[in-house]
Amino acid sequence: MIRFGFLAAALGLGTSLAHAAGFQFIEIPGNGLQALKGAVWYPCNQPPSKEKLGPFVLSVAKDCPVTGEKLSLVVISHGRGGTFLDHNDTAEALANAGFVVAAINHPGDNAMDKSHTDDFSVFVERPVDIKRLIDFMLGSWTAAARIDASEIGIFGFSRGGYTGLVAAGANPYFKRSLPLCDGVKTPLCEQVHKGELPELVHDTRIKAAVIADPVSIFFTRDSFSNVKISLQLWRSEFGGGGVTPESVANIIGDIPTKPDVHFVPKSQHFSFMAPCSADFMQSAREICIDGPDFDRISFHREFNAEVVAFFRKHLTDELP
């Protein structure tokens, strides 16, 4: 359950230390791989305005100068066929609280390009995308010098939750009979057929993670022995999108760091995505419609405050 005392402290802190959320697009060169496209939210001193990007409406100060030094970085991994804007309200809340937040579209598994969405390869490539994103933010990004490289977190939802757990050190187990590889003769699937574990990328620079309704079917009791970071884990009541409440609940006891678990009554899987604009509601009702007794807008005020407070506690020196 959401702990409202902690929430109140987070809200109070957010009021006293708030910034405007700056916003800029980024593109990370491929250097032999597919380029990564996304955006960065960050603290700045200019007032925000409404920016409409397709069906999304942001409250940001576009391309304003970055404010602050030694800023914590949080990277975001979206769900199956999603976009870097799926969690824009959470990104704004973090930027308003003084964090730098970076999100990308996972190549081949996003709303504009679903060419690999049903391929096993995305489960190997997604953690690589996150490492490339962190490398870029600490290296080539125009304000890289303002980021504290010792304070990096990740937010992941659904497949992005799987991505965050693997990036943080988890090792999934891919069975020889993996359905995504049935009848497929790619080199990666040939490894699986032989019972060989594909090499997965972990990133020890990540110090804390917020994971919401992760895809967890590949994890076993032994998958989390190398996960040493602080975790906040969110569970929906009804699940969806291929994620069941039971599958998420089953991994909780296997994580040695004892995650800060939040169960959200009356929620469904997509309740963790940003509240939908009217335009988005028209085209993506499955994603946007919650149950009759669930208010996504009110929930996200609480959710975002808890996420901010968690990352502030585990990535910065300032206590909530």
C-alpha atoms as a PDB file:
ATOM      1  CA  MET A   1       0.000   0.000   0.000  1.00  0.00           C
ATOM      2  CA  ILE A   2       1.079   3.615  -0.492  1.00  0.00           C
ATOM      3  CA  ARG A   3       2.529   5.054   2.698  1.00  0.00           C
ATOM      4  CA  PHE A   4       0.893   8.427   3.062  1.00  0.00           C
ATOM      5  CA  GLY A   5       3.237   9.738   5.765  1.00  0.00           C
ATOM      6  CA  PHE A   6       6.171   9.271   3.443  1.00  0.00           C
ATOM      7  CA  LEU A   7       4.114  10.767   0.633  1.00  0.00           C
ATOM      8  CA  ALA A   8       3.356  13.899   2.636  1.00  0.00           C
ATOM      9  CA  ALA A   9       7.045  14.387   3.338  1.00  0.00           C
ATOM     10  CA  ALA A  10       7.806  13.980  -0.346  1.00  0.00           C
ATOM     11  CA  LEU A  11       5.170  16.505  -1.338  1.00  0.00           C
ATOM     12  CA  GLY A  12       6.467  19.005   1.166  1.00  0.00           C
ATOM     13  CA  LEU A  13      10.016  18.602  -0.077  1.00  0.00           C
ATOM     14  CA  GLY A  14       8.887  18.913  -3.700  1.00  0.00           C
ATOM     15  CA  THR A  15       7.295  22.259  -2.917  1.00  0.00           C
ATOM     16  CA  SER A  16      10.373  23.733  -1.281  1.00  0.00           C
ATOM     17  CA  LEU A  17      12.934  22.572  -3.848  1.00  0.00           C
ATOM     18  CA  ALA A  18      10.924  22.586  -7.095  1.00  0.00           C
ATOM     19  CA  HIS A  19      12.325  23.696 -10.445  1.00  0.00           C
ATOM     20  CA  ALA A  20      10.697  24.023 -13.836  1.00  0.00           C
ATOM     21  CA  ALA A  21      11.172  20.992 -16.077  1.00  0.00           C
ATOM     22  CA  GLY A  22      13.395  21.767 -19.027  1.00  0.00           C
ATOM     23  CA  PHE A  23      13.072  19.540 -22.083  1.00  0.00           C
ATOM     24  CA  GLN A  24      15.116  18.739 -25.154  1.00  0.00           C
ATOM     25  CA  PHE A  25      15.216  15.990 -27.751  1.00  0.00           C
ATOM     26  CA  ILE A  26      18.276  13.750 -28.034  1.00  0.00           C
ATOM     27  CA  GLU A  27      19.583  11.369 -30.676  1.00  0.00           C
ATOM     28  CA  ILE A  28      22.367   8.943 -29.823  1.00  0.00           C
ATOM     29  CA  PRO A  29      24.471   7.864 -32.842  1.00  0.00           C
ATOM     30  CA  GLY A  30      24.500   4.176 -33.617  1.00  0.00           C
ATOM     31  CA  ASN A  31      28.196   3.620 -34.388  1.00  0.00           C
ATOM     32  CA  GLY A  32      27.234   0.360 -36.060  1.00  0.00           C
ATOM     33  CA  LEU A  33      24.005  -0.016 -34.097  1.00  0.00           C
ATOM     34  CA  GLN A  34      20.652   1.671 -34.653  1.00  0.00           C
ATOM     35  CA  ALA A  35      20.516   5.269 -33.419  1.00  0.00           C
ATOM     36  CA  LEU A  36      18.542   5.906 -30.236  1.00  0.00           C
ATOM     37  CA  LYS A  37      15.991   8.721 -30.217  1.00  0.00           C
ATOM     38  CA  GLY A  38      14.473  10.226 -27.113  1.00  0.00           C
ATOM     39  CA  ALA A  39      14.416  13.209 -24.800  1.00  0.00           C
ATOM     40  CA  VAL A  40      15.847  14.664 -21.610  1.00  0.00           C
ATOM     41  CA  TRP A  41      13.952  16.444 -18.841  1.00  0.00           C
ATOM     42  CA  TYR A  42      16.025  18.532 -16.431  1.00  0.00           C
ATOM     43  CA  PRO A  43      15.827  21.420 -13.929  1.00  0.00           C
ATOM     44  CA  CYS A  44      15.836  24.946 -15.336  1.00  0.00           C
ATOM     45  CA  ASN A  45      14.810  28.445 -14.235  1.00  0.00           C
ATOM     46  CA  GLN A  46      12.409  29.337 -17.030  1.00  0.00           C
ATOM     47  CA  PRO A  47       8.639  28.975 -16.615  1.00  0.00           C
ATOM     48  CA  PRO A  48       7.076  25.983 -18.377  1.00  0.00           C
ATOM     49  CA  SER A  49       4.570  26.135 -21.215  1.00  0.00           C
ATOM     50  CA  LYS A  50       2.360  23.548 -22.868  1.00  0.00           C
ATOM     51  CA  GLU A  51       4.109  21.545 -25.583  1.00  0.00           C
ATOM     52  CA  LYS A  52       2.003  19.192 -27.714  1.00  0.00           C
ATOM     53  CA  LEU A  53       3.920  16.254 -29.145  1.00  0.00           C
ATOM     54  CA  GLY A  54       1.537  14.029 -31.066  1.00  0.00           C
ATOM     55  CA  PRO A  55      -1.084  12.851 -28.564  1.00  0.00           C
ATOM     56  CA  PHE A  56       1.049  13.929 -25.577  1.00  0.00           C
ATOM     57  CA  VAL A  57       0.824  17.311 -23.843  1.00  0.00           C
ATOM     58  CA  LEU A  58       3.857  18.293 -21.755  1.00  0.00           C
ATOM     59  CA  SER A  59       4.333  21.131 -19.298  1.00  0.00           C
ATOM     60  CA  VAL A  60       7.985  21.995 -19.916  1.00  0.00           C
ATOM     61  CA  ALA A  61      10.430  24.740 -20.828  1.00  0.00           C
ATOM     62  CA  LYS A  62      11.760  23.506 -24.163  1.00  0.00           C
ATOM     63  CA  ASP A  63      15.515  23.858 -24.757  1.00  0.00           C
ATOM     64  CA  CYS A  64      16.085  26.070 -21.701  1.00  0.00           C
ATOM     65  CA  PRO A  65      19.550  26.040 -20.045  1.00  0.00           C
ATOM     66  CA  VAL A  66      20.213  23.384 -17.408  1.00  0.00           C
ATOM     67  CA  THR A  67      20.258  24.620 -13.815  1.00  0.00           C
ATOM     68  CA  GLY A  68      22.297  23.060 -11.027  1.00  0.00           C
ATOM     69  CA  GLU A  69      25.441  20.993 -10.492  1.00  0.00           C
ATOM     70  CA  LYS A  70      26.075  17.370  -9.447  1.00  0.00           C
ATOM     71  CA  LEU A  71      22.607  16.361 -10.588  1.00  0.00           C
ATOM     72  CA  SER A  72      21.321  12.803 -10.181  1.00  0.00           C
ATOM     73  CA  LEU A  73      20.375  10.993 -13.390  1.00  0.00           C
ATOM     74  CA  VAL A  74      17.352   8.717 -13.866  1.00  0.00           C
ATOM     75  CA  VAL A  75      16.889   6.805 -17.132  1.00  0.00           C
ATOM     76  CA  ILE A  76      13.510   5.455 -18.269  1.00  0.00           C
ATOM     77  CA  SER A  77      12.693   2.234 -20.136  1.00  0.00           C
ATOM     78  CA  HIS A  78       9.201   2.015 -21.654  1.00  0.00           C
ATOM     79  CA  GLY A  79       6.987  -1.027 -22.130  1.00  0.00           C
ATOM     80  CA  ARG A  80       6.312  -3.189 -25.182  1.00  0.00           C
ATOM     81  CA  GLY A  81       5.677  -1.030 -28.247  1.00  0.00           C
ATOM     82  CA  GLY A  82       5.782   2.164 -26.163  1.00  0.00           C
ATOM     83  CA  THR A  83       7.595   5.488 -26.494  1.00  0.00           C
ATOM     84  CA  PHE A  84       9.972   7.714 -24.568  1.00  0.00           C
ATOM     85  CA  LEU A  85       6.959   9.901 -23.700  1.00  0.00           C
ATOM     86  CA  ASP A  86       4.900   7.181 -21.998  1.00  0.00           C
ATOM     87  CA  HIS A  87       5.983   8.312 -18.532  1.00  0.00           C
ATOM     88  CA  ASN A  88       6.328  12.019 -19.250  1.00  0.00           C
ATOM     89  CA  ASP A  89       4.522  13.104 -16.062  1.00  0.00           C
ATOM     90  CA  THR A  90       6.920  11.079 -13.906  1.00  0.00           C
ATOM     91  CA  ALA A  91       9.854  12.538 -15.832  1.00  0.00           C
ATOM     92  CA  GLU A  92       8.489  16.062 -15.284  1.00  0.00           C
ATOM     93  CA  ALA A  93       8.029  15.430 -11.567  1.00  0.00           C
ATOM     94  CA  LEU A  94      11.615  14.246 -11.242  1.00  0.00           C
ATOM     95  CA  ALA A  95      12.980  17.186 -13.267  1.00  0.00           C
ATOM     96  CA  ASN A  96      10.912  19.603 -11.163  1.00  0.00           C
ATOM     97  CA  ALA A  97      12.585  18.066  -8.105  1.00  0.00           C
ATOM     98  CA  GLY A  98      16.083  18.608  -9.522  1.00  0.00           C
ATOM     99  CA  PHE A  99      16.844  15.356 -11.360  1.00  0.00           C
ATOM    100  CA  VAL A 100      18.015  14.871 -14.940  1.00  0.00           C
ATOM    101  CA  VAL A 101      15.773  12.299 -16.652  1.00  0.00           C
ATOM    102  CA  ALA A 102      16.528  10.626 -19.975  1.00  0.00           C
ATOM    103  CA  ALA A 103      14.272   8.308 -21.975  1.00  0.00           C
ATOM    104  CA  ILE A 104      14.641   6.667 -25.385  1.00  0.00           C
ATOM    105  CA  ASN A 105      12.574   4.613 -27.803  1.00  0.00           C
ATOM    106  CA  HIS A 106      13.876   1.042 -27.807  1.00  0.00           C
ATOM    107  CA  PRO A 107      14.683   0.323 -31.487  1.00  0.00           C
ATOM    108  CA  GLY A 108      12.349  -2.186 -33.095  1.00  0.00           C
ATOM    109  CA  ASP A 109      10.087  -2.251 -30.038  1.00  0.00           C
ATOM    110  CA  ASN A 110       8.333   1.108 -30.001  1.00  0.00           C
ATOM    111  CA  ALA A 111       5.106   2.640 -31.296  1.00  0.00           C
ATOM    112  CA  MET A 112       6.735   3.882 -34.507  1.00  0.00           C
ATOM    113  CA  ASP A 113       8.827   0.796 -35.211  1.00  0.00           C
ATOM    114  CA  LYS A 114       7.530  -2.618 -34.119  1.00  0.00           C
ATOM    115  CA  SER A 115       9.770  -4.612 -36.433  1.00  0.00           C
ATOM    116  CA  HIS A 116      11.321  -6.583 -33.543  1.00  0.00           C
ATOM    117  CA  THR A 117       8.549  -6.359 -30.960  1.00  0.00           C
ATOM    118  CA  ASP A 118       7.830 -10.074 -31.144  1.00  0.00           C
ATOM    119  CA  ASP A 119      11.476 -11.131 -31.530  1.00  0.00           C
ATOM    120  CA  PHE A 120      13.448 -12.647 -28.676  1.00  0.00           C
ATOM    121  CA  SER A 121      16.300 -10.276 -29.557  1.00  0.00           C
ATOM    122  CA  VAL A 122      14.637  -7.314 -27.818  1.00  0.00           C
ATOM    123  CA  PHE A 123      15.128  -8.969 -24.423  1.00  0.00           C
ATOM    124  CA  VAL A 124      18.869  -9.018 -25.035  1.00  0.00           C
ATOM    125  CA  GLU A 125      19.113  -5.630 -26.772  1.00  0.00           C
ATOM    126  CA  ARG A 126      17.075  -3.528 -24.350  1.00  0.00           C
ATOM    127  CA  PRO A 127      19.689  -3.503 -21.527  1.00  0.00           C
ATOM    128  CA  VAL A 128      22.295  -2.580 -24.156  1.00  0.00           C
ATOM    129  CA  ASP A 129      20.131   0.418 -25.129  1.00  0.00           C
ATOM    130  CA  ILE A 130      20.109   1.572 -21.501  1.00  0.00           C
ATOM    131  CA  LYS A 131      23.886   1.307 -21.206  1.00  0.00           C
ATOM    132  CA  ARG A 132      24.250   3.333 -24.406  1.00  0.00           C
ATOM    133  CA  LEU A 133      21.882   5.953 -23.013  1.00  0.00           C
ATOM    134  CA  ILE A 134      23.859   6.276 -19.768  1.00  0.00           C
ATOM    135  CA  ASP A 135      27.135   6.430 -21.722  1.00  0.00           C
ATOM    136  CA  PHE A 136      25.709   9.276 -23.807  1.00  0.00           C
ATOM    137  CA  MET A 137      24.351  11.217 -20.841  1.00  0.00           C
ATOM    138  CA  LEU A 138      27.703  11.024 -19.041  1.00  0.00           C
ATOM    139  CA  GLY A 139      29.753  11.656 -22.175  1.00  0.00           C
ATOM    140  CA  SER A 140      28.329  13.437 -25.203  1.00  0.00           C
ATOM    141  CA  TRP A 141      25.257  15.158 -23.792  1.00  0.00           C
ATOM    142  CA  THR A 142      25.703  18.939 -23.850  1.00  0.00           C
ATOM    143  CA  ALA A 143      25.355  19.235 -20.043  1.00  0.00           C
ATOM    144  CA  ALA A 144      27.090  15.968 -19.125  1.00  0.00           C
ATOM    145  CA  ALA A 145      29.443  17.788 -16.753  1.00  0.00           C
ATOM    146  CA  ARG A 146      26.479  18.698 -14.546  1.00  0.00           C
ATOM    147  CA  ILE A 147      25.598  15.044 -13.834  1.00  0.00           C
ATOM    148  CA  ASP A 148      26.970  13.193 -10.812  1.00  0.00           C
ATOM    149  CA  ALA A 149      28.069   9.862 -12.302  1.00  0.00           C
ATOM    150  CA  SER A 150      27.776   8.205  -8.880  1.00  0.00           C
ATOM    151  CA  GLU A 151      24.037   8.953  -8.645  1.00  0.00           C
ATOM    152  CA  ILE A 152      22.251   7.028 -11.397  1.00  0.00           C
ATOM    153  CA  GLY A 153      18.844   5.374 -11.197  1.00  0.00           C
ATOM    154  CA  ILE A 154      16.440   3.666 -13.573  1.00  0.00           C
ATOM    155  CA  PHE A 155      12.656   3.652 -13.919  1.00  0.00           C
ATOM    156  CA  GLY A 156      11.171   0.749 -15.850  1.00  0.00           C
ATOM    157  CA  PHE A 157       7.635  -0.330 -16.700  1.00  0.00           C
ATOM    158  CA  SER A 158       6.495  -3.721 -18.039  1.00  0.00           C
ATOM    159  CA  ARG A 159       9.204  -4.812 -20.518  1.00  0.00           C
ATOM    160  CA  GLY A 160      11.018  -1.746 -19.261  1.00  0.00           C
ATOM    161  CA  GLY A 161      10.747  -3.243 -15.768  1.00  0.00           C
ATOM    162  CA  TYR A 162      12.436  -6.392 -17.065  1.00  0.00           C
ATOM    163  CA  THR A 163      15.033  -4.127 -18.686  1.00  0.00           C
ATOM    164  CA  GLY A 164      15.669  -2.257 -15.436  1.00  0.00           C
ATOM    165  CA  LEU A 165      16.075  -5.456 -13.433  1.00  0.00           C
ATOM    166  CA  VAL A 166      18.543  -6.927 -15.948  1.00  0.00           C
ATOM    167  CA  ALA A 167      20.484  -3.657 -16.146  1.00  0.00           C
ATOM    168  CA  ALA A 168      20.665  -3.747 -12.336  1.00  0.00           C
ATOM    169  CA  GLY A 169      22.198  -7.230 -12.360  1.00  0.00           C
ATOM    170  CA  ALA A 170      19.359  -9.762 -12.734  1.00  0.00           C
ATOM    171  CA  ASN A 171      19.987 -12.822 -14.901  1.00  0.00           C
ATOM    172  CA  PRO A 172      16.893 -14.261 -16.602  1.00  0.00           C
ATOM    173  CA  TYR A 173      16.708 -17.917 -17.525  1.00  0.00           C
ATOM    174  CA  PHE A 174      15.781 -18.578 -21.151  1.00  0.00           C
ATOM    175  CA  LYS A 175      14.468 -22.119 -21.599  1.00  0.00           C
ATOM    176  CA  ARG A 176      15.363 -24.189 -24.641  1.00  0.00           C
ATOM    177  CA  SER A 177      11.666 -24.225 -25.578  1.00  0.00           C
ATOM    178  CA  LEU A 178      11.354 -20.422 -25.551  1.00  0.00           C
ATOM    179  CA  PRO A 179       8.178 -19.744 -27.636  1.00  0.00           C
ATOM    180  CA  LEU A 180       9.688 -16.601 -29.185  1.00  0.00           C
ATOM    181  CA  CYS A 181      12.325 -18.828 -30.771  1.00  0.00           C
ATOM    182  CA  ASP A 182      10.044 -21.628 -32.019  1.00  0.00           C
ATOM    183  CA  GLY A 183      10.871 -22.155 -35.687  1.00  0.00           C
ATOM    184  CA  VAL A 184      13.334 -19.243 -35.654  1.00  0.00           C
ATOM    185  CA  LYS A 185      16.933 -19.832 -36.761  1.00  0.00           C
ATOM    186  CA  THR A 186      18.645 -16.581 -35.859  1.00  0.00           C
ATOM    187  CA  PRO A 187      22.040 -16.917 -34.138  1.00  0.00           C
ATOM    188  CA  LEU A 188      20.455 -15.742 -30.882  1.00  0.00           C
ATOM    189  CA  CYS A 189      17.688 -18.355 -31.012  1.00  0.00           C
ATOM    190  CA  GLU A 190      20.202 -21.035 -31.949  1.00  0.00           C
ATOM    191  CA  GLN A 191      21.965 -20.240 -28.661  1.00  0.00           C
ATOM    192  CA  VAL A 192      18.701 -20.710 -26.801  1.00  0.00           C
ATOM    193  CA  HIS A 193      17.991 -24.019 -28.566  1.00  0.00           C
ATOM    194  CA  LYS A 194      21.412 -25.234 -27.381  1.00  0.00           C
ATOM    195  CA  GLY A 195      20.662 -24.148 -23.820  1.00  0.00           C
ATOM    196  CA  GLU A 196      23.282 -21.409 -23.909  1.00  0.00           C
ATOM    197  CA  LEU A 197      22.536 -18.149 -22.087  1.00  0.00           C
ATOM    198  CA  PRO A 198      23.011 -15.112 -24.334  1.00  0.00           C
ATOM    199  CA  GLU A 199      25.413 -12.576 -22.886  1.00  0.00           C
ATOM    200  CA  LEU A 200      23.415  -9.850 -21.161  1.00  0.00           C
ATOM    201  CA  VAL A 201      24.558  -6.345 -20.327  1.00  0.00           C
ATOM    202  CA  HIS A 202      24.455  -5.195 -16.707  1.00  0.00           C
ATOM    203  CA  ASP A 203      25.422  -1.683 -15.618  1.00  0.00           C
ATOM    204  CA  THR A 204      26.988  -1.308 -12.189  1.00  0.00           C
ATOM    205  CA  ARG A 205      26.631   2.475 -12.427  1.00  0.00           C
ATOM    206  CA  ILE A 206      22.930   2.074 -11.614  1.00  0.00           C
ATOM    207  CA  LYS A 207      22.437   2.549  -7.867  1.00  0.00           C
ATOM    208  CA  ALA A 208      18.629   2.495  -7.464  1.00  0.00           C
ATOM    209  CA  ALA A 209      15.600   1.373  -9.477  1.00  0.00           C
ATOM    210  CA  VAL A 210      11.851   1.926  -9.535  1.00  0.00           C
ATOM    211  CA  ILE A 211      10.153  -0.980 -11.297  1.00  0.00           C
ATOM    212  CA  ALA A 212       6.437  -1.067 -12.161  1.00  0.00           C
ATOM    213  CA  ASP A 213       4.617  -4.271 -13.166  1.00  0.00           C
ATOM    214  CA  PRO A 214       7.695  -5.897 -14.739  1.00  0.00           C
ATOM    215  CA  VAL A 215       7.595  -8.698 -17.285  1.00  0.00           C
ATOM    216  CA  SER A 216       9.023 -11.397 -15.036  1.00  0.00           C
ATOM    217  CA  ILE A 217       8.349 -14.717 -16.793  1.00  0.00           C
ATOM    218  CA  PHE A 218      12.066 -15.246 -17.463  1.00  0.00           C
ATOM    219  CA  PHE A 219      13.155 -14.848 -13.861  1.00  0.00           C
ATOM    220  CA  THR A 220      13.791 -17.681 -11.414  1.00  0.00           C
ATOM    221  CA  ARG A 221      14.691 -17.831  -7.730  1.00  0.00           C
ATOM    222  CA  ASP A 222      18.378 -17.538  -8.631  1.00  0.00           C
ATOM    223  CA  SER A 223      17.995 -14.633 -11.058  1.00  0.00           C
ATOM    224  CA  PHE A 224      18.491 -11.884  -8.493  1.00  0.00           C
ATOM    225  CA  SER A 225      21.559 -13.008  -6.562  1.00  0.00           C
ATOM    226  CA  ASN A 226      23.634 -10.220  -8.135  1.00  0.00           C
ATOM    227  CA  VAL A 227      21.044  -7.483  -7.589  1.00  0.00           C
ATOM    228  CA  LYS A 228      22.477  -5.395  -4.750  1.00  0.00           C
ATOM    229  CA  ILE A 229      20.833  -2.010  -5.318  1.00  0.00           C
ATOM    230  CA  SER A 230      17.812  -0.406  -3.663  1.00  0.00           C
ATOM    231  CA  LEU A 231      14.531  -1.251  -5.416  1.00  0.00           C
ATOM    232  CA  GLN A 232      11.021   0.147  -5.277  1.00  0.00           C
ATOM    233  CA  LEU A 233       8.538  -2.294  -6.836  1.00  0.00           C
ATOM    234  CA  TRP A 234       4.981  -1.377  -7.858  1.00  0.00           C
ATOM    235  CA  ARG A 235       2.222  -3.962  -8.425  1.00  0.00           C
ATOM    236  CA  SER A 236      -1.148  -3.484 -10.066  1.00  0.00           C
ATOM    237  CA  GLU A 237      -4.151  -5.418  -8.799  1.00  0.00           C
ATOM    238  CA  PHE A 238      -5.457  -6.675 -12.140  1.00  0.00           C
ATOM    239  CA  GLY A 239      -2.380  -6.751 -14.405  1.00  0.00           C
ATOM    240  CA  GLY A 240      -2.678  -6.714 -18.189  1.00  0.00           C
ATOM    241  CA  GLY A 241      -0.500  -6.537 -21.284  1.00  0.00           C
ATOM    242  CA  GLY A 242       0.732 -10.065 -20.638  1.00  0.00           C
ATOM    243  CA  VAL A 243       1.746  -9.269 -17.040  1.00  0.00           C
ATOM    244  CA  THR A 244      -0.208 -11.027 -14.295  1.00  0.00           C
ATOM    245  CA  PRO A 245      -0.389  -9.949 -10.644  1.00  0.00           C
ATOM    246  CA  GLU A 246       0.898 -13.404  -9.676  1.00  0.00           C
ATOM    247  CA  SER A 247       3.985 -13.155 -11.887  1.00  0.00           C
ATOM    248  CA  VAL A 248       5.015  -9.902 -10.230  1.00  0.00           C
ATOM    249  CA  ALA A 249       4.238 -11.144  -6.722  1.00  0.00           C
ATOM    250  CA  ASN A 250       6.312 -14.286  -7.300  1.00  0.00           C
ATOM    251  CA  ILE A 251       9.609 -12.418  -7.669  1.00  0.00           C
ATOM    252  CA  ILE A 252       9.311 -10.240  -4.566  1.00  0.00           C
ATOM    253  CA  GLY A 253      10.724 -12.779  -2.146  1.00  0.00           C
ATOM    254  CA  ASP A 254      13.557 -13.657  -4.514  1.00  0.00           C
ATOM    255  CA  ILE A 255      15.124 -10.180  -4.515  1.00  0.00           C
ATOM    256  CA  PRO A 256      17.758 -10.111  -1.737  1.00  0.00           C
ATOM    257  CA  THR A 257      17.611  -6.365  -1.109  1.00  0.00           C
ATOM    258  CA  LYS A 258      13.950  -6.643   0.014  1.00  0.00           C
ATOM    259  CA  PRO A 259      12.301  -4.112  -2.299  1.00  0.00           C
ATOM    260  CA  ASP A 260      10.013  -1.339  -1.118  1.00  0.00           C
ATOM    261  CA  VAL A 261       6.784  -2.883  -2.430  1.00  0.00           C
ATOM    262  CA  HIS A 262       3.658  -0.884  -3.291  1.00  0.00           C
ATOM    263  CA  PHE A 263       0.407  -2.656  -4.158  1.00  0.00           C
ATOM    264  CA  VAL A 264      -2.087  -0.388  -5.941  1.00  0.00           C
ATOM    265  CA  PRO A 265      -5.721  -1.430  -5.374  1.00  0.00           C
ATOM    266  CA  LYS A 266      -8.135  -1.341  -8.337  1.00  0.00           C
ATOM    267  CA  SER A 267      -5.326  -0.559 -10.776  1.00  0.00           C
ATOM    268  CA  GLN A 268      -4.549  -2.304 -14.043  1.00  0.00           C
ATOM    269  CA  HIS A 269      -1.218  -2.705 -15.817  1.00  0.00           C
ATOM    270  CA  PHE A 270      -1.389   0.485 -17.869  1.00  0.00           C
ATOM    271  CA  SER A 271      -2.374   2.599 -14.859  1.00  0.00           C
ATOM    272  CA  PHE A 272       1.350   3.252 -14.397  1.00  0.00           C
ATOM    273  CA  MET A 273       1.520   5.105 -17.726  1.00  0.00           C
ATOM    274  CA  ALA A 274       0.918   8.864 -17.726  1.00  0.00           C
ATOM    275  CA  PRO A 275      -2.734  10.009 -17.694  1.00  0.00           C
ATOM    276  CA  CYS A 276      -3.943  10.217 -21.282  1.00  0.00           C
ATOM    277  CA  SER A 277      -4.802  13.337 -23.218  1.00  0.00           C
ATOM    278  CA  ALA A 278      -8.155  13.437 -25.054  1.00  0.00           C
ATOM    279  CA  ASP A 279      -6.345  12.673 -28.334  1.00  0.00           C
ATOM    280  CA  PHE A 280      -4.551   9.671 -26.892  1.00  0.00           C
ATOM    281  CA  MET A 281      -7.771   8.417 -25.323  1.00  0.00           C
ATOM    282  CA  GLN A 282      -9.336   8.292 -28.801  1.00  0.00           C
ATOM    283  CA  SER A 283      -6.627   6.099 -30.279  1.00  0.00           C
ATOM    284  CA  ALA A 284      -5.504   3.953 -27.341  1.00  0.00           C
ATOM    285  CA  ARG A 285      -8.495   3.149 -25.164  1.00  0.00           C
ATOM    286  CA  GLU A 286      -7.012  -0.120 -23.877  1.00  0.00           C
ATOM    287  CA  ILE A 287      -4.070   1.809 -22.480  1.00  0.00           C
ATOM    288  CA  CYS A 288      -6.046   4.801 -21.244  1.00  0.00           C
ATOM    289  CA  ILE A 289      -9.194   3.344 -19.675  1.00  0.00           C
ATOM    290  CA  ASP A 290      -9.016   2.294 -16.024  1.00  0.00           C
ATOM    291  CA  GLY A 291     -11.708   0.711 -13.890  1.00  0.00           C
ATOM    292  CA  PRO A 292     -14.696   2.800 -12.741  1.00  0.00           C
ATOM    293  CA  ASP A 293     -13.293   3.147  -9.210  1.00  0.00           C
ATOM    294  CA  PHE A 294      -9.764   4.177 -10.180  1.00  0.00           C
ATOM    295  CA  ASP A 295      -8.629   7.770 -10.755  1.00  0.00           C
ATOM    296  CA  ARG A 296      -5.353   7.705 -12.693  1.00  0.00           C
ATOM    297  CA  ILE A 297      -4.732  11.439 -12.333  1.00  0.00           C
ATOM    298  CA  SER A 298      -5.029  11.331  -8.532  1.00  0.00           C
ATOM    299  CA  PHE A 299      -2.983   8.141  -8.350  1.00  0.00           C
ATOM    300  CA  HIS A 300      -0.166   9.650 -10.386  1.00  0.00           C
ATOM    301  CA  ARG A 301       0.158  12.563  -7.988  1.00  0.00           C
ATOM    302  CA  GLU A 302       0.834  10.033  -5.247  1.00  0.00           C
ATOM    303  CA  PHE A 303       2.898   7.724  -7.450  1.00  0.00           C
ATOM    304  CA  ASN A 304       5.178  10.478  -8.757  1.00  0.00           C
ATOM    305  CA  ALA A 305       5.737  11.875  -5.278  1.00  0.00           C
ATOM    306  CA  GLU A 306       6.757   8.426  -4.019  1.00  0.00           C
ATOM    307  CA  VAL A 307       9.110   7.910  -6.966  1.00  0.00           C
ATOM    308  CA  VAL A 308      10.740  11.306  -6.359  1.00  0.00           C
ATOM    309  CA  ALA A 309      11.116  10.595  -2.638  1.00  0.00           C
ATOM    310  CA  PHE A 310      12.635   7.165  -3.284  1.00  0.00           C
ATOM    311  CA  PHE A 311      15.243   8.436  -5.720  1.00  0.00           C
ATOM    312  CA  ARG A 312      16.018  11.390  -3.481  1.00  0.00           C
ATOM    313  CA  LYS A 313      16.590   9.012  -0.567  1.00  0.00           C
ATOM    314  CA  HIS A 314      18.796   6.581  -2.482  1.00  0.00           C
ATOM    315  CA  LEU A 315      20.591   8.806  -5.014  1.00  0.00           C
ATOM    316  CA  THR A 316      21.133  12.118  -3.233  1.00  0.00           C
ATOM    317  CA  ASP A 317      22.335  13.326   0.151  1.00  0.00           C
ATOM    318  CA  GLU A 318      19.034  15.072   0.860  1.00  0.00           C
ATOM    319  CA  LEU A 319      16.640  13.100   3.067  1.00  0.00           C
ATOM    320  CA  PRO A 320      12.904  13.082   2.364  1.00  0.00           C
END
